[in-house]
C-alpha atoms as a PDB file:
ATOM      1  CA  UNK A   1     118.009  72.379 143.627  1.00  0.00           C
ATOM      2  CA  UNK A   2     119.135  74.907 141.036  1.00  0.00           C
ATOM      3  CA  UNK A   3     115.870  77.065 139.791  1.00  0.00           C
ATOM      4  CA  UNK A   4     114.274  77.061 143.255  1.00  0.00           C
ATOM      5  CA  UNK A   5     115.745  78.521 146.712  1.00  0.00           C
ATOM      6  CA  UNK A   6     117.220  76.244 148.661  1.00  0.00           C
ATOM      7  CA  UNK A   7     119.384  76.507 152.192  1.00  0.00           C
ATOM      8  CA  UNK A   8     122.813  75.530 150.220  1.00  0.00           C
ATOM      9  CA  UNK A   9     122.438  78.183 146.894  1.00  0.00           C
ATOM     10  CA  UNK A  10     123.366  81.730 147.405  1.00  0.00           C
ATOM     11  CA  UNK A  11     120.845  83.910 145.737  1.00  0.00           C
ATOM     12  CA  UNK A  12     122.866  85.217 143.179  1.00  0.00           C
ATOM     13  CA  UNK A  13     123.645  81.899 141.798  1.00  0.00           C
ATOM     14  CA  UNK A  14     119.770  80.968 141.556  1.00  0.00           C
ATOM     15  CA  UNK A  15     118.938  79.235 138.110  1.00  0.00           C
ATOM     16  CA  UNK A  16     122.957  79.469 137.189  1.00  0.00           C
ATOM     17  CA  UNK A  17     124.242  76.561 139.538  1.00  0.00           C
ATOM     18  CA  UNK A  18     122.922  73.371 140.875  1.00  0.00           C
ATOM     19  CA  UNK A  19     123.377  72.863 144.583  1.00  0.00           C
ATOM     20  CA  UNK A  20     122.980  69.210 144.238  1.00  0.00           C
ATOM     21  CA  UNK A  21     126.110  69.107 142.391  1.00  0.00           C
ATOM     22  CA  UNK A  22     128.024  70.640 145.348  1.00  0.00           C
ATOM     23  CA  UNK A  23     127.428  67.464 147.497  1.00  0.00           C
ATOM     24  CA  UNK A  24     126.313  64.309 144.899  1.00  0.00           C
ATOM     25  CA  UNK A  25     126.970  62.727 141.343  1.00  0.00           C
ATOM     26  CA  UNK A  26     123.982  63.333 138.707  1.00  0.00           C
ATOM     27  CA  UNK A  27     122.267  60.163 139.173  1.00  0.00           C
ATOM     28  CA  UNK A  28     122.140  59.705 135.247  1.00  0.00           C
ATOM     29  CA  UNK A  29     125.664  61.607 134.527  1.00  0.00           C
ATOM     30  CA  UNK A  30     123.830  64.516 133.127  1.00  0.00           C
ATOM     31  CA  UNK A  31     122.798  67.992 134.249  1.00  0.00           C
ATOM     32  CA  UNK A  32     119.994  70.417 133.712  1.00  0.00           C
ATOM     33  CA  UNK A  33     121.074  71.802 130.388  1.00  0.00           C
ATOM     34  CA  UNK A  34     121.545  68.459 128.689  1.00  0.00           C
ATOM     35  CA  UNK A  35     118.084  67.637 130.272  1.00  0.00           C
ATOM     36  CA  UNK A  36     116.573  70.453 128.612  1.00  0.00           C
ATOM     37  CA  UNK A  37     118.015  69.737 125.380  1.00  0.00           C
ATOM     38  CA  UNK A  38     116.015  66.652 125.475  1.00  0.00           C
ATOM     39  CA  UNK A  39     113.019  65.965 122.844  1.00  0.00           C
ATOM     40  CA  UNK A  40     110.556  65.476 126.060  1.00  0.00           C
ATOM     41  CA  UNK A  41     110.500  67.137 128.845  1.00  0.00           C
ATOM     42  CA  UNK A  42     108.522  66.088 131.888  1.00  0.00           C
ATOM     43  CA  UNK A  43     108.152  68.799 134.713  1.00  0.00           C
ATOM     44  CA  UNK A  44     107.111  67.426 138.163  1.00  0.00           C
ATOM     45  CA  UNK A  45     103.544  68.322 139.528  1.00  0.00           C
ATOM     46  CA  UNK A  46     103.536  70.588 142.456  1.00  0.00           C
ATOM     47  CA  UNK A  47     101.728  67.879 144.564  1.00  0.00           C
ATOM     48  CA  UNK A  48     102.598  67.573 148.472  1.00  0.00           C
ATOM     49  CA  UNK A  49     104.344  63.846 148.623  1.00  0.00           C
ATOM     50  CA  UNK A  50     104.369  62.203 152.163  1.00  0.00           C
ATOM     51  CA  UNK A  51     107.251  62.638 153.984  1.00  0.00           C
ATOM     52  CA  UNK A  52     108.994  59.462 154.595  1.00  0.00           C
ATOM     53  CA  UNK A  53     109.994  60.101 158.041  1.00  0.00           C
ATOM     54  CA  UNK A  54     106.377  60.633 158.958  1.00  0.00           C
ATOM     55  CA  UNK A  55     105.943  56.680 159.146  1.00  0.00           C
ATOM     56  CA  UNK A  56     107.264  54.393 161.419  1.00  0.00           C
ATOM     57  CA  UNK A  57     106.609  51.938 158.953  1.00  0.00           C
ATOM     58  CA  UNK A  58     109.532  53.206 156.625  1.00  0.00           C
ATOM     59  CA  UNK A  59     112.265  53.722 159.359  1.00  0.00           C
ATOM     60  CA  UNK A  60     111.517  50.424 160.842  1.00  0.00           C
ATOM     61  CA  UNK A  61     111.384  48.778 157.195  1.00  0.00           C
ATOM     62  CA  UNK A  62     108.040  46.980 158.020  1.00  0.00           C
ATOM     63  CA  UNK A  63     106.998  46.569 154.062  1.00  0.00           C
ATOM     64  CA  UNK A  64     110.823  46.619 152.608  1.00  0.00           C
ATOM     65  CA  UNK A  65     110.228  50.351 151.332  1.00  0.00           C
ATOM     66  CA  UNK A  66     113.518  51.364 153.326  1.00  0.00           C
ATOM     67  CA  UNK A  67     115.091  48.537 151.233  1.00  0.00           C
ATOM     68  CA  UNK A  68     114.114  49.740 148.245  1.00  0.00           C
ATOM     69  CA  UNK A  69     115.287  53.417 148.869  1.00  0.00           C
ATOM     70  CA  UNK A  70     118.499  51.966 149.909  1.00  0.00           C
ATOM     71  CA  UNK A  71     119.071  50.624 146.321  1.00  0.00           C
ATOM     72  CA  UNK A  72     119.502  54.220 145.316  1.00  0.00           C
ATOM     73  CA  UNK A  73     122.705  54.304 147.100  1.00  0.00           C
ATOM     74  CA  UNK A  74     123.869  50.765 146.248  1.00  0.00           C
ATOM     75  CA  UNK A  75     123.209  51.178 142.560  1.00  0.00           C
ATOM     76  CA  UNK A  76     125.393  54.264 142.796  1.00  0.00           C
ATOM     77  CA  UNK A  77     122.081  56.702 142.064  1.00  0.00           C
ATOM     78  CA  UNK A  78     122.973  58.711 145.326  1.00  0.00           C
ATOM     79  CA  UNK A  79     126.505  59.122 145.307  1.00  0.00           C
ATOM     80  CA  UNK A  80     128.294  61.456 147.327  1.00  0.00           C
ATOM     81  CA  UNK A  81     131.097  63.664 145.304  1.00  0.00           C
ATOM     82  CA  UNK A  82     134.250  61.431 145.621  1.00  0.00           C
ATOM     83  CA  UNK A  83     136.683  64.417 146.827  1.00  0.00           C
ATOM     84  CA  UNK A  84     133.918  65.177 149.552  1.00  0.00           C
ATOM     85  CA  UNK A  85     133.868  61.614 150.387  1.00  0.00           C
ATOM     86  CA  UNK A  86     137.584  61.311 151.011  1.00  0.00           C
ATOM     87  CA  UNK A  87     137.244  64.396 153.412  1.00  0.00           C
ATOM     88  CA  UNK A  88     134.598  62.659 155.194  1.00  0.00           C
ATOM     89  CA  UNK A  89     136.394  59.244 155.277  1.00  0.00           C
ATOM     90  CA  UNK A  90     139.298  61.369 156.943  1.00  0.00           C
ATOM     91  CA  UNK A  91     136.945  62.651 159.475  1.00  0.00           C
ATOM     92  CA  UNK A  92     135.736  59.143 160.476  1.00  0.00           C
ATOM     93  CA  UNK A  93     138.959  57.714 160.610  1.00  0.00           C
ATOM     94  CA  UNK A  94     139.987  60.554 162.883  1.00  0.00           C
ATOM     95  CA  UNK A  95     137.258  60.260 165.260  1.00  0.00           C
ATOM     96  CA  UNK A  96     136.090  56.558 164.943  1.00  0.00           C
ATOM     97  CA  UNK A  97     138.725  54.127 166.193  1.00  0.00           C
ATOM     98  CA  UNK A  98     138.799  50.698 165.375  1.00  0.00           C
ATOM     99  CA  UNK A  99     136.574  47.724 167.428  1.00  0.00           C
ATOM    100  CA  UNK A 100     135.208  50.557 169.288  1.00  0.00           C
ATOM    101  CA  UNK A 101     131.565  50.222 169.493  1.00  0.00           C
ATOM    102  CA  UNK A 102     129.806  53.482 168.133  1.00  0.00           C
ATOM    103  CA  UNK A 103     125.940  54.691 169.214  1.00  0.00           C
ATOM    104  CA  UNK A 104     125.189  57.184 166.724  1.00  0.00           C
ATOM    105  CA  UNK A 105     122.815  59.986 168.212  1.00  0.00           C
ATOM    106  CA  UNK A 106     120.665  62.479 166.003  1.00  0.00           C
ATOM    107  CA  UNK A 107     118.540  64.999 167.231  1.00  0.00           C
ATOM    108  CA  UNK A 108     116.736  68.307 166.285  1.00  0.00           C
ATOM    109  CA  UNK A 109     115.686  71.138 168.419  1.00  0.00           C
ATOM    110  CA  UNK A 110     115.648  74.900 167.545  1.00  0.00           C
ATOM    111  CA  UNK A 111     113.071  75.510 165.210  1.00  0.00           C
ATOM    112  CA  UNK A 112     110.981  72.102 165.521  1.00  0.00           C
ATOM    113  CA  UNK A 113     111.122  72.646 169.423  1.00  0.00           C
ATOM    114  CA  UNK A 114     110.000  76.278 169.603  1.00  0.00           C
ATOM    115  CA  UNK A 115     107.452  76.443 166.741  1.00  0.00           C
ATOM    116  CA  UNK A 116     105.968  73.016 167.280  1.00  0.00           C
ATOM    117  CA  UNK A 117     105.084  72.674 163.435  1.00  0.00           C
ATOM    118  CA  UNK A 118     101.731  71.454 163.313  1.00  0.00           C
ATOM    119  CA  UNK A 119     101.634  67.620 162.170  1.00  0.00           C
ATOM    120  CA  UNK A 120     105.237  67.311 162.366  1.00  0.00           C
ATOM    121  CA  UNK A 121     106.451  64.496 164.584  1.00  0.00           C
ATOM    122  CA  UNK A 122     107.714  65.848 168.211  1.00  0.00           C
ATOM    123  CA  UNK A 123     111.137  65.999 168.834  1.00  0.00           C
ATOM    124  CA  UNK A 124     112.060  64.497 172.318  1.00  0.00           C
ATOM    125  CA  UNK A 125     113.082  66.907 174.947  1.00  0.00           C
ATOM    126  CA  UNK A 126     116.870  67.029 175.641  1.00  0.00           C
ATOM    127  CA  UNK A 127     116.539  65.381 179.195  1.00  0.00           C
ATOM    128  CA  UNK A 128     114.028  62.673 178.072  1.00  0.00           C
ATOM    129  CA  UNK A 129     116.599  62.051 174.842  1.00  0.00           C
ATOM    130  CA  UNK A 130     119.665  61.694 177.231  1.00  0.00           C
ATOM    131  CA  UNK A 131     118.091  59.321 179.448  1.00  0.00           C
ATOM    132  CA  UNK A 132     117.287  57.125 176.471  1.00  0.00           C
ATOM    133  CA  UNK A 133     120.999  57.459 175.239  1.00  0.00           C
ATOM    134  CA  UNK A 134     122.437  56.305 178.445  1.00  0.00           C
ATOM    135  CA  UNK A 135     119.679  53.206 178.911  1.00  0.00           C
ATOM    136  CA  UNK A 136     120.651  52.073 175.181  1.00  0.00           C
ATOM    137  CA  UNK A 137     124.440  52.369 175.352  1.00  0.00           C
ATOM    138  CA  UNK A 138     124.160  50.106 178.191  1.00  0.00           C
ATOM    139  CA  UNK A 139     121.625  47.723 176.255  1.00  0.00           C
ATOM    140  CA  UNK A 140     123.704  47.468 173.432  1.00  0.00           C
ATOM    141  CA  UNK A 141     127.047  47.743 174.705  1.00  0.00           C
ATOM    142  CA  UNK A 142     128.714  50.784 172.988  1.00  0.00           C
ATOM    143  CA  UNK A 143     131.525  52.544 174.407  1.00  0.00           C
ATOM    144  CA  UNK A 144     131.169  55.723 172.671  1.00  0.00           C
ATOM    145  CA  UNK A 145     128.578  57.922 171.167  1.00  0.00           C
ATOM    146  CA  UNK A 146     128.302  60.314 167.987  1.00  0.00           C
ATOM    147  CA  UNK A 147     126.353  63.051 168.438  1.00  0.00           C
ATOM    148  CA  UNK A 148     124.615  65.309 165.614  1.00  0.00           C
ATOM    149  CA  UNK A 149     122.524  68.194 166.318  1.00  0.00           C
ATOM    150  CA  UNK A 150     122.120  71.731 165.025  1.00  0.00           C
ATOM    151  CA  UNK A 151     121.410  72.815 168.958  1.00  0.00           C
ATOM    152  CA  UNK A 152     124.155  74.196 171.131  1.00  0.00           C
ATOM    153  CA  UNK A 153     121.926  73.425 173.853  1.00  0.00           C
ATOM    154  CA  UNK A 154     121.757  69.762 173.505  1.00  0.00           C
ATOM    155  CA  UNK A 155     125.620  69.559 172.665  1.00  0.00           C
ATOM    156  CA  UNK A 156     126.384  71.278 175.967  1.00  0.00           C
ATOM    157  CA  UNK A 157     124.209  68.822 177.833  1.00  0.00           C
ATOM    158  CA  UNK A 158     125.787  65.749 176.311  1.00  0.00           C
ATOM    159  CA  UNK A 159     128.949  66.969 176.602  1.00  0.00           C
ATOM    160  CA  UNK A 160     128.299  67.878 180.500  1.00  0.00           C
ATOM    161  CA  UNK A 161     127.422  64.259 180.967  1.00  0.00           C
ATOM    162  CA  UNK A 162     129.180  62.280 178.729  1.00  0.00           C
ATOM    163  CA  UNK A 163     132.694  64.291 178.457  1.00  0.00           C
ATOM    164  CA  UNK A 164     135.065  62.556 176.357  1.00  0.00           C
ATOM    165  CA  UNK A 165     132.675  59.758 175.448  1.00  0.00           C
ATOM    166  CA  UNK A 166     130.802  62.034 173.389  1.00  0.00           C
ATOM    167  CA  UNK A 167     131.959  62.956 170.080  1.00  0.00           C
ATOM    168  CA  UNK A 168     130.977  65.497 167.446  1.00  0.00           C
ATOM    169  CA  UNK A 169     132.619  66.944 164.376  1.00  0.00           C
ATOM    170  CA  UNK A 170     134.630  70.444 164.364  1.00  0.00           C
ATOM    171  CA  UNK A 171     131.736  72.281 163.175  1.00  0.00           C
ATOM    172  CA  UNK A 172     129.579  75.723 163.330  1.00  0.00           C
ATOM    173  CA  UNK A 173     126.591  75.802 165.381  1.00  0.00           C
ATOM    174  CA  UNK A 174     123.824  78.434 164.041  1.00  0.00           C
ATOM    175  CA  UNK A 175     122.320  81.069 166.362  1.00  0.00           C
ATOM    176  CA  UNK A 176     118.769  80.223 165.963  1.00  0.00           C
ATOM    177  CA  UNK A 177     116.528  83.394 165.457  1.00  0.00           C
ATOM    178  CA  UNK A 178     112.818  82.476 166.824  1.00  0.00           C
ATOM    179  CA  UNK A 179     110.264  82.444 163.860  1.00  0.00           C
ATOM    180  CA  UNK A 180     112.594  81.082 161.491  1.00  0.00           C
ATOM    181  CA  UNK A 181     113.599  77.835 160.360  1.00  0.00           C
ATOM    182  CA  UNK A 182     117.163  76.614 161.147  1.00  0.00           C
ATOM    183  CA  UNK A 183     118.431  76.526 157.695  1.00  0.00           C
ATOM    184  CA  UNK A 184     117.948  79.510 156.888  1.00  0.00           C
ATOM    185  CA  UNK A 185     119.975  81.367 159.637  1.00  0.00           C
ATOM    186  CA  UNK A 186     123.328  81.734 158.589  1.00  0.00           C
ATOM    187  CA  UNK A 187     126.815  81.818 159.942  1.00  0.00           C
ATOM    188  CA  UNK A 188     129.493  84.806 159.189  1.00  0.00           C
ATOM    189  CA  UNK A 189     131.815  83.274 157.236  1.00  0.00           C
ATOM    190  CA  UNK A 190     133.025  82.621 153.451  1.00  0.00           C
ATOM    191  CA  UNK A 191     130.945  80.208 151.637  1.00  0.00           C
ATOM    192  CA  UNK A 192     128.956  79.559 154.578  1.00  0.00           C
ATOM    193  CA  UNK A 193     125.949  77.909 152.608  1.00  0.00           C
ATOM    194  CA  UNK A 194     128.204  74.947 151.138  1.00  0.00           C
ATOM    195  CA  UNK A 195     129.951  74.823 154.401  1.00  0.00           C
ATOM    196  CA  UNK A 196     126.881  74.112 156.435  1.00  0.00           C
ATOM    197  CA  UNK A 197     125.906  71.221 153.726  1.00  0.00           C
ATOM    198  CA  UNK A 198     129.006  69.822 154.292  1.00  0.00           C
ATOM    199  CA  UNK A 199     129.134  69.544 157.911  1.00  0.00           C
ATOM    200  CA  UNK A 200     125.522  68.260 157.805  1.00  0.00           C
ATOM    201  CA  UNK A 201     126.251  65.566 155.203  1.00  0.00           C
ATOM    202  CA  UNK A 202     129.216  64.569 157.156  1.00  0.00           C
ATOM    203  CA  UNK A 203     127.076  64.053 160.134  1.00  0.00           C
ATOM    204  CA  UNK A 204     124.569  61.777 158.248  1.00  0.00           C
ATOM    205  CA  UNK A 205     127.233  59.871 156.881  1.00  0.00           C
ATOM    206  CA  UNK A 206     129.097  59.001 160.290  1.00  0.00           C
ATOM    207  CA  UNK A 207     125.910  58.377 161.809  1.00  0.00           C
ATOM    208  CA  UNK A 208     125.358  55.704 158.979  1.00  0.00           C
ATOM    209  CA  UNK A 209     128.467  53.913 159.963  1.00  0.00           C
ATOM    210  CA  UNK A 210     127.745  53.454 163.906  1.00  0.00           C
ATOM    211  CA  UNK A 211     126.954  50.242 165.169  1.00  0.00           C
ATOM    212  CA  UNK A 212     123.550  51.504 166.409  1.00  0.00           C
ATOM    213  CA  UNK A 213     121.421  54.565 166.058  1.00  0.00           C
ATOM    214  CA  UNK A 214     118.783  56.611 168.307  1.00  0.00           C
ATOM    215  CA  UNK A 215     117.305  59.344 166.355  1.00  0.00           C
ATOM    216  CA  UNK A 216     114.599  61.795 166.195  1.00  0.00           C
ATOM    217  CA  UNK A 217     112.137  61.485 163.211  1.00  0.00           C
ATOM    218  CA  UNK A 218     112.837  64.159 160.797  1.00  0.00           C
ATOM    219  CA  UNK A 219     114.076  64.501 157.250  1.00  0.00           C
ATOM    220  CA  UNK A 220     118.163  63.778 158.126  1.00  0.00           C
ATOM    221  CA  UNK A 221     116.901  60.318 159.759  1.00  0.00           C
ATOM    222  CA  UNK A 222     115.633  59.372 156.522  1.00  0.00           C
ATOM    223  CA  UNK A 223     119.078  60.114 154.727  1.00  0.00           C
ATOM    224  CA  UNK A 224     120.866  58.161 157.627  1.00  0.00           C
ATOM    225  CA  UNK A 225     118.792  55.082 157.247  1.00  0.00           C
ATOM    226  CA  UNK A 226     119.151  55.263 153.315  1.00  0.00           C
ATOM    227  CA  UNK A 227     122.752  55.853 153.557  1.00  0.00           C
ATOM    228  CA  UNK A 228     123.459  52.957 156.540  1.00  0.00           C
ATOM    229  CA  UNK A 229     123.837  49.366 155.199  1.00  0.00           C
ATOM    230  CA  UNK A 230     122.216  48.197 158.573  1.00  0.00           C
ATOM    231  CA  UNK A 231     122.645  48.696 162.176  1.00  0.00           C
ATOM    232  CA  UNK A 232     122.693  46.262 165.017  1.00  0.00           C
ATOM    233  CA  UNK A 233     119.610  48.199 166.627  1.00  0.00           C
ATOM    234  CA  UNK A 234     117.541  51.139 166.149  1.00  0.00           C
ATOM    235  CA  UNK A 235     115.425  53.447 168.430  1.00  0.00           C
ATOM    236  CA  UNK A 236     113.171  56.224 167.019  1.00  0.00           C
ATOM    237  CA  UNK A 237     111.529  58.638 169.086  1.00  0.00           C
ATOM    238  CA  UNK A 238     107.894  58.057 168.461  1.00  0.00           C
ATOM    239  CA  UNK A 239     106.234  60.661 170.343  1.00  0.00           C
ATOM    240  CA  UNK A 240     102.982  61.798 168.155  1.00  0.00           C
ATOM    241  CA  UNK A 241     102.935  64.898 166.439  1.00  0.00           C
ATOM    242  CA  UNK A 242     102.318  68.488 167.299  1.00  0.00           C
ATOM    243  CA  UNK A 243      98.773  69.350 167.508  1.00  0.00           C
ATOM    244  CA  UNK A 244      97.601  65.885 166.822  1.00  0.00           C
ATOM    245  CA  UNK A 245      97.070  62.593 168.619  1.00  0.00           C
ATOM    246  CA  UNK A 246      99.213  60.068 166.544  1.00  0.00           C
ATOM    247  CA  UNK A 247     101.552  57.675 167.265  1.00  0.00           C
ATOM    248  CA  UNK A 248     102.718  55.898 163.933  1.00  0.00           C
END
């Protein structure tokens, strides 16, 4: 998050600042400068690790692996910056009313639906996602839904159908450029990289506080499941993978 390019680090700050520290505390309370002064330094290998969202096993906690990852949060090893957490809590207090049962909805579109990356879990078409949300809201007795997505089209469809029952944070949505990943698309404003990360993290935290969750299979869903202590109900779109026949 400091020495490699990432969506949240301005290019001119590459190697100088750690984008992790914009949003989270250091797990062991030391930064890279202190770590590099140690007598022994171990650098990770450039091996591709399995992505957690690629398995329903993790999302549904079939073998307890999700419980183990949630311990990172409980032990304070994955801790949002206190000042940032205060801002997120203020947003939650404004948007989430007491005793109103909330369905969290997390959907991806843009680069996934446009480029269909080989082997990635298929994201649901908006119409299919909409029908599932309608069904689950009734089944799970949720009065409102909190929607998180980077896709303006998805927001419009849900707002048109659910009106005031569909809640979103006050955020900027990127204009997707075909052929690019959505995290490389910028909004014309000062400090955009940090603000996009802040908006994204705010949504994930708020989703983790909902009563139940309907979500696409992607990295953000892993974050939601780690941040949440539990959900009454969950539903993950298990539609196979782009270019592959797989339901896992």
